[in-house]
PDB file of N, CA and C in Angstrom:
ATOM      1  N   MET A   1     -13.910 -37.004 186.074  1.00  0.00           N
ATOM      2  CA  MET A   1     -12.592 -36.699 186.618  1.00  0.00           C
ATOM      3  C   MET A   1     -11.935 -38.018 187.010  1.00  0.00           C
ATOM      4  N   LYS A   2     -10.654 -38.083 186.797  1.00  0.00           N
ATOM      5  CA  LYS A   2      -9.917 -39.297 187.136  1.00  0.00           C
ATOM      6  C   LYS A   2      -9.913 -39.536 188.641  1.00  0.00           C
ATOM      7  N   ASP A   3      -9.608 -40.756 189.018  1.00  0.00           N
ATOM      8  CA  ASP A   3      -9.528 -41.078 190.436  1.00  0.00           C
ATOM      9  C   ASP A   3      -8.376 -40.310 191.060  1.00  0.00           C
ATOM     10  N   LEU A   4      -8.675 -39.622 192.152  1.00  0.00           N
ATOM     11  CA  LEU A   4      -7.666 -38.834 192.843  1.00  0.00           C
ATOM     12  C   LEU A   4      -7.456 -39.397 194.239  1.00  0.00           C
ATOM     13  N   THR A   5      -6.240 -39.268 194.741  1.00  0.00           N
ATOM     14  CA  THR A   5      -5.919 -39.667 196.099  1.00  0.00           C
ATOM     15  C   THR A   5      -5.920 -38.412 196.956  1.00  0.00           C
ATOM     16  N   TRP A   6      -6.918 -38.291 197.797  1.00  0.00           N
ATOM     17  CA  TRP A   6      -7.080 -37.097 198.622  1.00  0.00           C
ATOM     18  C   TRP A   6      -6.323 -37.237 199.936  1.00  0.00           C
ATOM     19  N   GLN A   7      -5.692 -36.131 200.341  1.00  0.00           N
ATOM     20  CA  GLN A   7      -4.962 -36.079 201.608  1.00  0.00           C
ATOM     21  C   GLN A   7      -5.526 -34.931 202.420  1.00  0.00           C
ATOM     22  N   ARG A   8      -5.489 -35.086 203.733  1.00  0.00           N
ATOM     23  CA  ARG A   8      -5.933 -34.025 204.629  1.00  0.00           C
ATOM     24  C   ARG A   8      -4.905 -33.856 205.735  1.00  0.00           C
ATOM     25  N   PRO A   9      -4.864 -32.699 206.362  1.00  0.00           N
ATOM     26  CA  PRO A   9      -3.906 -32.500 207.450  1.00  0.00           C
ATOM     27  C   PRO A   9      -4.149 -33.497 208.579  1.00  0.00           C
ATOM     28  N   GLU A  10      -3.077 -33.975 209.176  1.00  0.00           N
ATOM     29  CA  GLU A  10      -3.200 -34.910 210.292  1.00  0.00           C
ATOM     30  C   GLU A  10      -3.988 -34.302 211.443  1.00  0.00           C
ATOM     31  N   ALA A  11      -3.886 -32.984 211.621  1.00  0.00           N
ATOM     32  CA  ALA A  11      -4.585 -32.315 212.722  1.00  0.00           C
ATOM     33  C   ALA A  11      -6.104 -32.451 212.601  1.00  0.00           C
ATOM     34  N   CYS A  12      -6.602 -32.713 211.406  1.00  0.00           N
ATOM     35  CA  CYS A  12      -8.042 -32.861 211.204  1.00  0.00           C
ATOM     36  C   CYS A  12      -8.556 -34.207 211.676  1.00  0.00           C
ATOM     37  N   GLY A  13      -7.705 -35.191 211.659  1.00  0.00           N
ATOM     38  CA  GLY A  13      -8.169 -36.532 211.995  1.00  0.00           C
ATOM     39  C   GLY A  13      -9.303 -36.916 211.069  1.00  0.00           C
ATOM     40  N   GLU A  14     -10.386 -37.372 211.643  1.00  0.00           N
ATOM     41  CA  GLU A  14     -11.567 -37.728 210.849  1.00  0.00           C
ATOM     42  C   GLU A  14     -12.650 -36.660 210.985  1.00  0.00           C
ATOM     43  N   GLY A  15     -12.244 -35.443 211.334  1.00  0.00           N
ATOM     44  CA  GLY A  15     -13.195 -34.343 211.503  1.00  0.00           C
ATOM     45  C   GLY A  15     -14.023 -34.094 210.251  1.00  0.00           C
ATOM     46  N   PRO A  16     -15.202 -33.511 210.423  1.00  0.00           N
ATOM     47  CA  PRO A  16     -16.118 -33.341 209.300  1.00  0.00           C
ATOM     48  C   PRO A  16     -15.825 -32.117 208.419  1.00  0.00           C
ATOM     49  N   SER A  17     -14.955 -31.244 208.847  1.00  0.00           N
ATOM     50  CA  SER A  17     -14.722 -30.007 208.095  1.00  0.00           C
ATOM     51  C   SER A  17     -13.229 -29.769 207.937  1.00  0.00           C
ATOM     52  N   CYS A  18     -12.660 -30.344 206.882  1.00  0.00           N
ATOM     53  CA  CYS A  18     -11.217 -30.257 206.676  1.00  0.00           C
ATOM     54  C   CYS A  18     -10.893 -29.967 205.222  1.00  0.00           C
ATOM     55  N   PRO A  19      -9.802 -29.261 204.984  1.00  0.00           N
ATOM     56  CA  PRO A  19      -9.358 -29.113 203.599  1.00  0.00           C
ATOM     57  C   PRO A  19      -8.729 -30.421 203.132  1.00  0.00           C
ATOM     58  N   GLU A  20      -8.911 -30.721 201.868  1.00  0.00           N
ATOM     59  CA  GLU A  20      -8.327 -31.926 201.287  1.00  0.00           C
ATOM     60  C   GLU A  20      -7.643 -31.555 199.983  1.00  0.00           C
ATOM     61  N   VAL A  21      -6.513 -32.189 199.718  1.00  0.00           N
ATOM     62  CA  VAL A  21      -5.700 -31.874 198.544  1.00  0.00           C
ATOM     63  C   VAL A  21      -5.335 -33.166 197.823  1.00  0.00           C
ATOM     64  N   ALA A  22      -5.377 -33.106 196.500  1.00  0.00           N
ATOM     65  CA  ALA A  22      -4.911 -34.214 195.664  1.00  0.00           C
ATOM     66  C   ALA A  22      -3.930 -33.635 194.650  1.00  0.00           C
ATOM     67  N   VAL A  23      -2.759 -34.237 194.564  1.00  0.00           N
ATOM     68  CA  VAL A  23      -1.705 -33.730 193.685  1.00  0.00           C
ATOM     69  C   VAL A  23      -1.469 -34.727 192.562  1.00  0.00           C
ATOM     70  N   THR A  24      -1.456 -34.218 191.328  1.00  0.00           N
ATOM     71  CA  THR A  24      -1.113 -35.037 190.171  1.00  0.00           C
ATOM     72  C   THR A  24       0.109 -34.410 189.506  1.00  0.00           C
ATOM     73  N   SER A  25       0.562 -34.996 188.446  1.00  0.00           N
ATOM     74  CA  SER A  25       1.753 -34.463 187.775  1.00  0.00           C
ATOM     75  C   SER A  25       1.504 -33.123 187.101  1.00  0.00           C
ATOM     76  N   ASP A  26       0.250 -32.789 186.813  1.00  0.00           N
ATOM     77  CA  ASP A  26      -0.024 -31.545 186.095  1.00  0.00           C
ATOM     78  C   ASP A  26      -0.959 -30.582 186.801  1.00  0.00           C
ATOM     79  N   ALA A  27      -1.479 -30.946 187.987  1.00  0.00           N
ATOM     80  CA  ALA A  27      -2.404 -30.052 188.680  1.00  0.00           C
ATOM     81  C   ALA A  27      -2.492 -30.411 190.160  1.00  0.00           C
ATOM     82  N   VAL A  28      -3.041 -29.458 190.921  1.00  0.00           N
ATOM     83  CA  VAL A  28      -3.326 -29.676 192.330  1.00  0.00           C
ATOM     84  C   VAL A  28      -4.821 -29.404 192.509  1.00  0.00           C
ATOM     85  N   TYR A  29      -5.518 -30.323 193.147  1.00  0.00           N
ATOM     86  CA  TYR A  29      -6.951 -30.205 193.362  1.00  0.00           C
ATOM     87  C   TYR A  29      -7.206 -29.969 194.841  1.00  0.00           C
ATOM     88  N   VAL A  30      -8.122 -29.049 195.141  1.00  0.00           N
ATOM     89  CA  VAL A  30      -8.422 -28.683 196.519  1.00  0.00           C
ATOM     90  C   VAL A  30      -9.938 -28.752 196.710  1.00  0.00           C
ATOM     91  N   ARG A  31     -10.353 -29.272 197.856  1.00  0.00           N
ATOM     92  CA  ARG A  31     -11.778 -29.310 198.181  1.00  0.00           C
ATOM     93  C   ARG A  31     -11.942 -29.269 199.697  1.00  0.00           C
ATOM     94  N   SER A  32     -13.163 -29.088 200.127  1.00  0.00           N
ATOM     95  CA  SER A  32     -13.522 -29.181 201.540  1.00  0.00           C
ATOM     96  C   SER A  32     -14.202 -30.519 201.755  1.00  0.00           C
ATOM     97  N   SER A  33     -13.942 -31.142 202.894  1.00  0.00           N
ATOM     98  CA  SER A  33     -14.617 -32.404 203.178  1.00  0.00           C
ATOM     99  C   SER A  33     -16.121 -32.203 203.353  1.00  0.00           C
ATOM    100  N   LEU A  34     -16.547 -30.972 203.610  1.00  0.00           N
ATOM    101  CA  LEU A  34     -17.979 -30.681 203.715  1.00  0.00           C
ATOM    102  C   LEU A  34     -18.664 -30.695 202.352  1.00  0.00           C
ATOM    103  N   LEU A  35     -17.939 -30.297 201.306  1.00  0.00           N
ATOM    104  CA  LEU A  35     -18.478 -30.236 199.942  1.00  0.00           C
ATOM    105  C   LEU A  35     -17.529 -30.961 198.991  1.00  0.00           C
ATOM    106  N   PRO A  36     -17.449 -32.269 199.066  1.00  0.00           N
ATOM    107  CA  PRO A  36     -16.451 -33.005 198.296  1.00  0.00           C
ATOM    108  C   PRO A  36     -16.619 -32.925 196.780  1.00  0.00           C
ATOM    109  N   ASP A  37     -17.787 -32.514 196.301  1.00  0.00           N
ATOM    110  CA  ASP A  37     -17.981 -32.398 194.856  1.00  0.00           C
ATOM    111  C   ASP A  37     -17.565 -31.037 194.306  1.00  0.00           C
ATOM    112  N   ALA A  38     -17.297 -30.075 195.194  1.00  0.00           N
ATOM    113  CA  ALA A  38     -16.851 -28.739 194.785  1.00  0.00           C
ATOM    114  C   ALA A  38     -15.322 -28.726 194.808  1.00  0.00           C
ATOM    115  N   ILE A  39     -14.719 -28.953 193.661  1.00  0.00           N
ATOM    116  CA  ILE A  39     -13.270 -29.123 193.561  1.00  0.00           C
ATOM    117  C   ILE A  39     -12.666 -27.977 192.769  1.00  0.00           C
ATOM    118  N   ALA A  40     -11.653 -27.355 193.338  1.00  0.00           N
ATOM    119  CA  ALA A  40     -10.898 -26.314 192.634  1.00  0.00           C
ATOM    120  C   ALA A  40      -9.643 -26.954 192.050  1.00  0.00           C
ATOM    121  N   GLN A  41      -9.353 -26.629 190.807  1.00  0.00           N
ATOM    122  CA  GLN A  41      -8.144 -27.132 190.146  1.00  0.00           C
ATOM    123  C   GLN A  41      -7.158 -25.982 190.008  1.00  0.00           C
ATOM    124  N   LEU A  42      -5.948 -26.189 190.513  1.00  0.00           N
ATOM    125  CA  LEU A  42      -4.901 -25.176 190.456  1.00  0.00           C
ATOM    126  C   LEU A  42      -3.708 -25.712 189.673  1.00  0.00           C
ATOM    127  N   THR A  43      -3.016 -24.803 189.014  1.00  0.00           N
ATOM    128  CA  THR A  43      -1.741 -25.193 188.422  1.00  0.00           C
ATOM    129  C   THR A  43      -0.728 -25.308 189.558  1.00  0.00           C
ATOM    130  N   THR A  44       0.398 -25.898 189.300  1.00  0.00           N
ATOM    131  CA  THR A  44       1.418 -25.999 190.350  1.00  0.00           C
ATOM    132  C   THR A  44       1.919 -24.616 190.758  1.00  0.00           C
ATOM    133  N   ASP A  45       1.988 -23.677 189.814  1.00  0.00           N
ATOM    134  CA  ASP A  45       2.401 -22.309 190.155  1.00  0.00           C
ATOM    135  C   ASP A  45       1.357 -21.635 191.046  1.00  0.00           C
ATOM    136  N   GLU A  46       0.077 -21.817 190.748  1.00  0.00           N
ATOM    137  CA  GLU A  46      -0.985 -21.238 191.582  1.00  0.00           C
ATOM    138  C   GLU A  46      -0.945 -21.839 192.978  1.00  0.00           C
ATOM    139  N   TRP A  47      -0.717 -23.138 193.079  1.00  0.00           N
ATOM    140  CA  TRP A  47      -0.626 -23.807 194.376  1.00  0.00           C
ATOM    141  C   TRP A  47       0.550 -23.254 195.178  1.00  0.00           C
ATOM    142  N   ARG A  48       1.688 -23.112 194.529  1.00  0.00           N
ATOM    143  CA  ARG A  48       2.873 -22.564 195.193  1.00  0.00           C
ATOM    144  C   ARG A  48       2.597 -21.151 195.700  1.00  0.00           C
ATOM    145  N   ASP A  49       1.944 -20.324 194.867  1.00  0.00           N
ATOM    146  CA  ASP A  49       1.612 -18.953 195.270  1.00  0.00           C
ATOM    147  C   ASP A  49       0.637 -18.938 196.445  1.00  0.00           C
ATOM    148  N   LEU A  50      -0.354 -19.831 196.422  1.00  0.00           N
ATOM    149  CA  LEU A  50      -1.315 -19.907 197.521  1.00  0.00           C
ATOM    150  C   LEU A  50      -0.616 -20.286 198.824  1.00  0.00           C
ATOM    151  N   LEU A  51       0.229 -21.297 198.791  1.00  0.00           N
ATOM    152  CA  LEU A  51       0.954 -21.693 199.998  1.00  0.00           C
ATOM    153  C   LEU A  51       1.849 -20.576 200.521  1.00  0.00           C
ATOM    154  N   SER A  52       2.512 -19.860 199.623  1.00  0.00           N
ATOM    155  CA  SER A  52       3.370 -18.735 200.032  1.00  0.00           C
ATOM    156  C   SER A  52       2.545 -17.657 200.710  1.00  0.00           C
ATOM    157  N   ALA A  53       1.376 -17.360 200.169  1.00  0.00           N
ATOM    158  CA  ALA A  53       0.509 -16.334 200.754  1.00  0.00           C
ATOM    159  C   ALA A  53      -0.005 -16.759 202.125  1.00  0.00           C
ATOM    160  N   ILE A  54      -0.362 -18.029 202.269  1.00  0.00           N
ATOM    161  CA  ILE A  54      -0.823 -18.529 203.569  1.00  0.00           C
ATOM    162  C   ILE A  54       0.297 -18.425 204.592  1.00  0.00           C
ATOM    163  N   ARG A  55       1.491 -18.848 204.207  1.00  0.00           N
ATOM    164  CA  ARG A  55       2.640 -18.796 205.136  1.00  0.00           C
ATOM    165  C   ARG A  55       3.002 -17.365 205.514  1.00  0.00           C
ATOM    166  N   ALA A  56       2.783 -16.425 204.600  1.00  0.00           N
ATOM    167  CA  ALA A  56       3.096 -15.008 204.858  1.00  0.00           C
ATOM    168  C   ALA A  56       1.995 -14.311 205.659  1.00  0.00           C
ATOM    169  N   GLY A  57       0.907 -15.016 205.939  1.00  0.00           N
ATOM    170  CA  GLY A  57      -0.163 -14.441 206.746  1.00  0.00           C
ATOM    171  C   GLY A  57      -1.097 -13.524 205.975  1.00  0.00           C
ATOM    172  N   GLU A  58      -1.093 -13.617 204.665  1.00  0.00           N
ATOM    173  CA  GLU A  58      -1.920 -12.730 203.852  1.00  0.00           C
ATOM    174  C   GLU A  58      -3.424 -12.937 204.051  1.00  0.00           C
ATOM    175  N   PHE A  59      -3.818 -14.053 204.625  1.00  0.00           N
ATOM    176  CA  PHE A  59      -5.241 -14.325 204.832  1.00  0.00           C
ATOM    177  C   PHE A  59      -5.642 -14.227 206.295  1.00  0.00           C
ATOM    178  N   ASP A  60      -4.693 -13.859 207.148  1.00  0.00           N
ATOM    179  CA  ASP A  60      -5.004 -13.716 208.580  1.00  0.00           C
ATOM    180  C   ASP A  60      -5.890 -12.494 208.789  1.00  0.00           C
ATOM    181  N   ALA A  61      -6.836 -12.650 209.670  1.00  0.00           N
ATOM    182  CA  ALA A  61      -7.763 -11.548 209.947  1.00  0.00           C
ATOM    183  C   ALA A  61      -7.188 -10.590 210.975  1.00  0.00           C
TER     184      ALA A  61
END
């Protein structure tokens, strides 16, 4: 896999368990800082849908 620039939410600081995202021109990659080798690749449409669902509370318990 090509070199990716990973970003994490500022609220995580240097915490050991944070979501990390890398955005390229053709895909969005998501991983957990706990398992950095387990990377999910999303299309930009899938990423947009995921963010919309999170904002709408679809994953709230």
